[in-house]
Amino acid sequence: MSKIKDYLMEEHQKMREHLSRLSALTSKRDWETRELEFARLKDVLLPHFQGEEVVFFHDAVSSDLHHRILHLKEQHSLIRKLISILSEESKQAERWGAQMRVCTDRIINHLYTEEPLYSSIETSLDQSILPDIFEKIRAEELRYHKEMQQMRTIPY
């Protein structure tokens, strides 16, 4: 496996671990732990999506992959909307757990759809630029984290 695929698959594993921990938090009394674990999930998931979209998917322009990549991007968009709804909802609300299960289903489905395409995407790219793409993905994720950190520290 390539460095890019290994890295993205590691992130997918982290997402699965966070989702597993969240699914075990079924009681409303677990709301503080839900909040913490949900924040950890978002800290992996959202920058990962950003890095894939801005760098990895963008550069994979072969026509046979175009529609599949559009599908992945639409999945990203839907999951972001679900994450946004969950972010606004009280973690103490009974409905939060049900909403999180729906979101988990979408994320897991997405991971299973996306992972087999990594090799095809890499193959479609100029192999000489793969190291640069890896660094760009990491840089995009870091940029995303910095933006989120700045938003958290802005007084309203």
C-alpha atoms as a PDB file:
ATOM      1  CA  MET A   1       0.000   0.000   0.000  1.00  0.00           C
ATOM      2  CA  SER A   2       1.101   3.534  -0.607  1.00  0.00           C
ATOM      3  CA  LYS A   3       1.769   6.162   1.988  1.00  0.00           C
ATOM      4  CA  ILE A   4      -1.408   8.040   1.018  1.00  0.00           C
ATOM      5  CA  LYS A   5      -3.652   4.989   1.195  1.00  0.00           C
ATOM      6  CA  ASP A   6      -2.076   3.886   4.512  1.00  0.00           C
ATOM      7  CA  TYR A   7      -2.629   7.342   5.978  1.00  0.00           C
ATOM      8  CA  LEU A   8      -6.246   7.618   4.836  1.00  0.00           C
ATOM      9  CA  MET A   9      -7.012   4.085   6.014  1.00  0.00           C
ATOM     10  CA  GLU A  10      -5.507   4.910   9.439  1.00  0.00           C
ATOM     11  CA  GLU A  11      -7.875   7.855   9.661  1.00  0.00           C
ATOM     12  CA  HIS A  12     -10.786   5.621   8.692  1.00  0.00           C
ATOM     13  CA  GLN A  13      -9.829   3.261  11.502  1.00  0.00           C
ATOM     14  CA  LYS A  14      -9.816   6.178  13.975  1.00  0.00           C
ATOM     15  CA  MET A  15     -13.295   7.142  12.753  1.00  0.00           C
ATOM     16  CA  ARG A  16     -14.525   3.595  13.278  1.00  0.00           C
ATOM     17  CA  GLU A  17     -13.116   3.583  16.818  1.00  0.00           C
ATOM     18  CA  HIS A  18     -14.841   6.871  17.680  1.00  0.00           C
ATOM     19  CA  LEU A  19     -18.098   5.623  16.178  1.00  0.00           C
ATOM     20  CA  SER A  20     -17.840   2.428  18.183  1.00  0.00           C
ATOM     21  CA  ARG A  21     -17.305   4.348  21.423  1.00  0.00           C
ATOM     22  CA  LEU A  22     -20.209   6.661  20.587  1.00  0.00           C
ATOM     23  CA  SER A  23     -22.532   3.740  19.903  1.00  0.00           C
ATOM     24  CA  ALA A  24     -21.813   2.402  23.390  1.00  0.00           C
ATOM     25  CA  LEU A  25     -22.962   5.679  24.975  1.00  0.00           C
ATOM     26  CA  THR A  26     -26.681   4.964  25.059  1.00  0.00           C
ATOM     27  CA  SER A  27     -27.731   6.638  28.290  1.00  0.00           C
ATOM     28  CA  LYS A  28     -28.673  10.312  28.536  1.00  0.00           C
ATOM     29  CA  ARG A  29     -26.365  10.366  31.570  1.00  0.00           C
ATOM     30  CA  ASP A  30     -23.482   9.845  29.151  1.00  0.00           C
ATOM     31  CA  TRP A  31     -23.996  13.242  27.545  1.00  0.00           C
ATOM     32  CA  GLU A  32     -20.633  14.719  28.608  1.00  0.00           C
ATOM     33  CA  THR A  33     -18.760  11.707  27.275  1.00  0.00           C
ATOM     34  CA  ARG A  34     -20.875  11.855  24.103  1.00  0.00           C
ATOM     35  CA  GLU A  35     -19.843  15.469  23.599  1.00  0.00           C
ATOM     36  CA  LEU A  36     -16.166  14.677  24.042  1.00  0.00           C
ATOM     37  CA  GLU A  37     -16.207  11.612  21.787  1.00  0.00           C
ATOM     38  CA  PHE A  38     -18.292  13.408  19.161  1.00  0.00           C
ATOM     39  CA  ALA A  39     -15.763  16.276  19.146  1.00  0.00           C
ATOM     40  CA  ARG A  40     -12.961  13.744  18.661  1.00  0.00           C
ATOM     41  CA  LEU A  41     -14.828  12.162  15.762  1.00  0.00           C
ATOM     42  CA  LYS A  42     -15.302  15.557  14.109  1.00  0.00           C
ATOM     43  CA  ASP A  43     -11.604  16.362  14.615  1.00  0.00           C
ATOM     44  CA  VAL A  44     -10.705  13.332  12.486  1.00  0.00           C
ATOM     45  CA  LEU A  45     -13.619  13.214  10.064  1.00  0.00           C
ATOM     46  CA  LEU A  46     -14.004  16.802   8.863  1.00  0.00           C
ATOM     47  CA  PRO A  47     -10.334  17.564   8.108  1.00  0.00           C
ATOM     48  CA  HIS A  48     -10.064  14.148   6.456  1.00  0.00           C
ATOM     49  CA  PHE A  49     -12.937  15.030   4.117  1.00  0.00           C
ATOM     50  CA  GLN A  50     -11.351  18.402   3.407  1.00  0.00           C
ATOM     51  CA  GLY A  51      -7.988  16.861   2.547  1.00  0.00           C
ATOM     52  CA  GLU A  52      -9.543  14.273   0.261  1.00  0.00           C
ATOM     53  CA  GLU A  53     -11.699  16.775  -1.586  1.00  0.00           C
ATOM     54  CA  VAL A  54      -9.220  19.595  -2.026  1.00  0.00           C
ATOM     55  CA  VAL A  55      -6.257  17.423  -2.974  1.00  0.00           C
ATOM     56  CA  PHE A  56      -6.833  13.739  -3.604  1.00  0.00           C
ATOM     57  CA  PHE A  57     -10.192  13.781  -5.380  1.00  0.00           C
ATOM     58  CA  HIS A  58      -9.406  17.005  -7.208  1.00  0.00           C
ATOM     59  CA  ASP A  59      -6.330  15.567  -8.888  1.00  0.00           C
ATOM     60  CA  ALA A  60      -8.013  12.289  -9.875  1.00  0.00           C
ATOM     61  CA  VAL A  61      -9.685  13.466 -13.036  1.00  0.00           C
ATOM     62  CA  SER A  62      -9.829  10.322 -15.147  1.00  0.00           C
ATOM     63  CA  SER A  63     -13.260  10.063 -16.714  1.00  0.00           C
ATOM     64  CA  ASP A  64     -13.937   6.541 -15.440  1.00  0.00           C
ATOM     65  CA  LEU A  65     -13.535   7.743 -11.851  1.00  0.00           C
ATOM     66  CA  HIS A  66     -15.310  11.080 -12.260  1.00  0.00           C
ATOM     67  CA  HIS A  67     -18.822   9.856 -11.371  1.00  0.00           C
ATOM     68  CA  ARG A  68     -17.585   7.723  -8.502  1.00  0.00           C
ATOM     69  CA  ILE A  69     -15.711  10.668  -7.028  1.00  0.00           C
ATOM     70  CA  LEU A  70     -18.786  12.878  -7.414  1.00  0.00           C
ATOM     71  CA  HIS A  71     -20.709  10.234  -5.456  1.00  0.00           C
ATOM     72  CA  LEU A  72     -18.093  10.303  -2.680  1.00  0.00           C
ATOM     73  CA  LYS A  73     -18.236  14.097  -2.540  1.00  0.00           C
ATOM     74  CA  GLU A  74     -22.031  13.974  -2.225  1.00  0.00           C
ATOM     75  CA  GLN A  75     -21.662  11.498   0.623  1.00  0.00           C
ATOM     76  CA  HIS A  76     -19.244  13.915   2.287  1.00  0.00           C
ATOM     77  CA  SER A  77     -21.790  16.696   1.899  1.00  0.00           C
ATOM     78  CA  LEU A  78     -24.606  14.632   3.421  1.00  0.00           C
ATOM     79  CA  ILE A  79     -22.440  13.512   6.349  1.00  0.00           C
ATOM     80  CA  ARG A  80     -21.362  17.109   7.001  1.00  0.00           C
ATOM     81  CA  LYS A  81     -25.038  18.114   7.189  1.00  0.00           C
ATOM     82  CA  LEU A  82     -25.753  15.304   9.656  1.00  0.00           C
ATOM     83  CA  ILE A  83     -22.715  16.311  11.725  1.00  0.00           C
ATOM     84  CA  SER A  84     -23.955  19.906  11.746  1.00  0.00           C
ATOM     85  CA  ILE A  85     -27.396  18.832  12.981  1.00  0.00           C
ATOM     86  CA  LEU A  86     -25.823  16.656  15.680  1.00  0.00           C
ATOM     87  CA  SER A  87     -23.529  19.499  16.731  1.00  0.00           C
ATOM     88  CA  GLU A  88     -26.513  21.755  17.389  1.00  0.00           C
ATOM     89  CA  GLU A  89     -28.624  19.120  19.159  1.00  0.00           C
ATOM     90  CA  SER A  90     -28.324  18.587  22.905  1.00  0.00           C
ATOM     91  CA  LYS A  91     -26.283  15.472  23.630  1.00  0.00           C
ATOM     92  CA  GLN A  92     -28.740  14.826  26.469  1.00  0.00           C
ATOM     93  CA  ALA A  93     -31.690  14.576  24.104  1.00  0.00           C
ATOM     94  CA  GLU A  94     -33.041  11.107  23.494  1.00  0.00           C
ATOM     95  CA  ARG A  95     -33.261  11.867  19.812  1.00  0.00           C
ATOM     96  CA  TRP A  96     -29.510  12.604  19.652  1.00  0.00           C
ATOM     97  CA  GLY A  97     -28.720   8.898  19.981  1.00  0.00           C
ATOM     98  CA  ALA A  98     -31.097   8.021  17.140  1.00  0.00           C
ATOM     99  CA  GLN A  99     -29.659  10.777  14.960  1.00  0.00           C
ATOM    100  CA  MET A 100     -26.136   9.591  15.730  1.00  0.00           C
ATOM    101  CA  ARG A 101     -27.036   6.040  14.665  1.00  0.00           C
ATOM    102  CA  VAL A 102     -28.239   7.383  11.309  1.00  0.00           C
ATOM    103  CA  CYS A 103     -25.042   9.384  10.933  1.00  0.00           C
ATOM    104  CA  THR A 104     -22.937   6.355  11.914  1.00  0.00           C
ATOM    105  CA  ASP A 105     -24.673   4.249   9.270  1.00  0.00           C
ATOM    106  CA  ARG A 106     -23.927   6.875   6.629  1.00  0.00           C
ATOM    107  CA  ILE A 107     -20.269   7.181   7.666  1.00  0.00           C
ATOM    108  CA  ILE A 108     -19.683   3.415   7.744  1.00  0.00           C
ATOM    109  CA  ASN A 109     -21.385   3.028   4.360  1.00  0.00           C
ATOM    110  CA  HIS A 110     -19.221   5.823   3.003  1.00  0.00           C
ATOM    111  CA  LEU A 111     -16.001   4.242   4.270  1.00  0.00           C
ATOM    112  CA  TYR A 112     -16.882   0.934   2.624  1.00  0.00           C
ATOM    113  CA  THR A 113     -17.681   2.729  -0.629  1.00  0.00           C
ATOM    114  CA  GLU A 114     -14.566   4.878  -0.584  1.00  0.00           C
ATOM    115  CA  GLU A 115     -11.833   2.492   0.513  1.00  0.00           C
ATOM    116  CA  PRO A 116     -11.813   0.256  -2.596  1.00  0.00           C
ATOM    117  CA  LEU A 117     -11.458   3.364  -4.765  1.00  0.00           C
ATOM    118  CA  TYR A 118      -8.215   4.574  -3.185  1.00  0.00           C
ATOM    119  CA  SER A 119      -6.083   2.259  -5.320  1.00  0.00           C
ATOM    120  CA  SER A 120      -7.943   3.251  -8.496  1.00  0.00           C
ATOM    121  CA  ILE A 121      -7.571   6.930  -7.689  1.00  0.00           C
ATOM    122  CA  GLU A 122      -3.851   6.559  -7.016  1.00  0.00           C
ATOM    123  CA  THR A 123      -3.369   4.597 -10.230  1.00  0.00           C
ATOM    124  CA  SER A 124      -5.055   7.376 -12.203  1.00  0.00           C
ATOM    125  CA  LEU A 125      -2.604   9.938 -10.861  1.00  0.00           C
ATOM    126  CA  ASP A 126       0.875  10.740 -12.095  1.00  0.00           C
ATOM    127  CA  GLN A 127       2.988   8.574  -9.781  1.00  0.00           C
ATOM    128  CA  SER A 128       5.727  11.176  -9.533  1.00  0.00           C
ATOM    129  CA  ILE A 129       3.367  13.566  -7.738  1.00  0.00           C
ATOM    130  CA  LEU A 130       2.083  11.099  -5.089  1.00  0.00           C
ATOM    131  CA  PRO A 131       4.553  12.296  -2.417  1.00  0.00           C
ATOM    132  CA  ASP A 132       3.438  15.887  -3.056  1.00  0.00           C
ATOM    133  CA  ILE A 133      -0.214  14.861  -2.835  1.00  0.00           C
ATOM    134  CA  PHE A 134       0.411  13.193   0.523  1.00  0.00           C
ATOM    135  CA  GLU A 135       2.007  16.375   1.877  1.00  0.00           C
ATOM    136  CA  LYS A 136      -0.812  18.503   0.427  1.00  0.00           C
ATOM    137  CA  ILE A 137      -3.434  16.311   2.126  1.00  0.00           C
ATOM    138  CA  ARG A 138      -1.661  16.695   5.467  1.00  0.00           C
ATOM    139  CA  ALA A 139      -1.230  20.444   4.931  1.00  0.00           C
ATOM    140  CA  GLU A 140      -4.922  20.832   4.079  1.00  0.00           C
ATOM    141  CA  GLU A 141      -5.915  18.941   7.221  1.00  0.00           C
ATOM    142  CA  LEU A 142      -3.604  21.134   9.325  1.00  0.00           C
ATOM    143  CA  ARG A 143      -5.047  24.271   7.705  1.00  0.00           C
ATOM    144  CA  TYR A 144      -8.537  23.041   8.544  1.00  0.00           C
ATOM    145  CA  HIS A 145      -7.551  22.406  12.174  1.00  0.00           C
ATOM    146  CA  LYS A 146      -6.023  25.896  12.448  1.00  0.00           C
ATOM    147  CA  GLU A 147      -9.183  27.508  11.041  1.00  0.00           C
ATOM    148  CA  MET A 148     -11.362  25.603  13.500  1.00  0.00           C
ATOM    149  CA  GLN A 149      -9.081  26.560  16.376  1.00  0.00           C
ATOM    150  CA  GLN A 150      -9.268  30.226  15.401  1.00  0.00           C
ATOM    151  CA  MET A 151     -13.063  30.041  15.215  1.00  0.00           C
ATOM    152  CA  ARG A 152     -13.167  28.578  18.737  1.00  0.00           C
ATOM    153  CA  THR A 153     -11.062  31.410  20.133  1.00  0.00           C
ATOM    154  CA  ILE A 154     -12.931  34.306  18.502  1.00  0.00           C
ATOM    155  CA  PRO A 155     -14.962  36.108  21.177  1.00  0.00           C
ATOM    156  CA  TYR A 156     -18.561  36.751  20.179  1.00  0.00           C
END
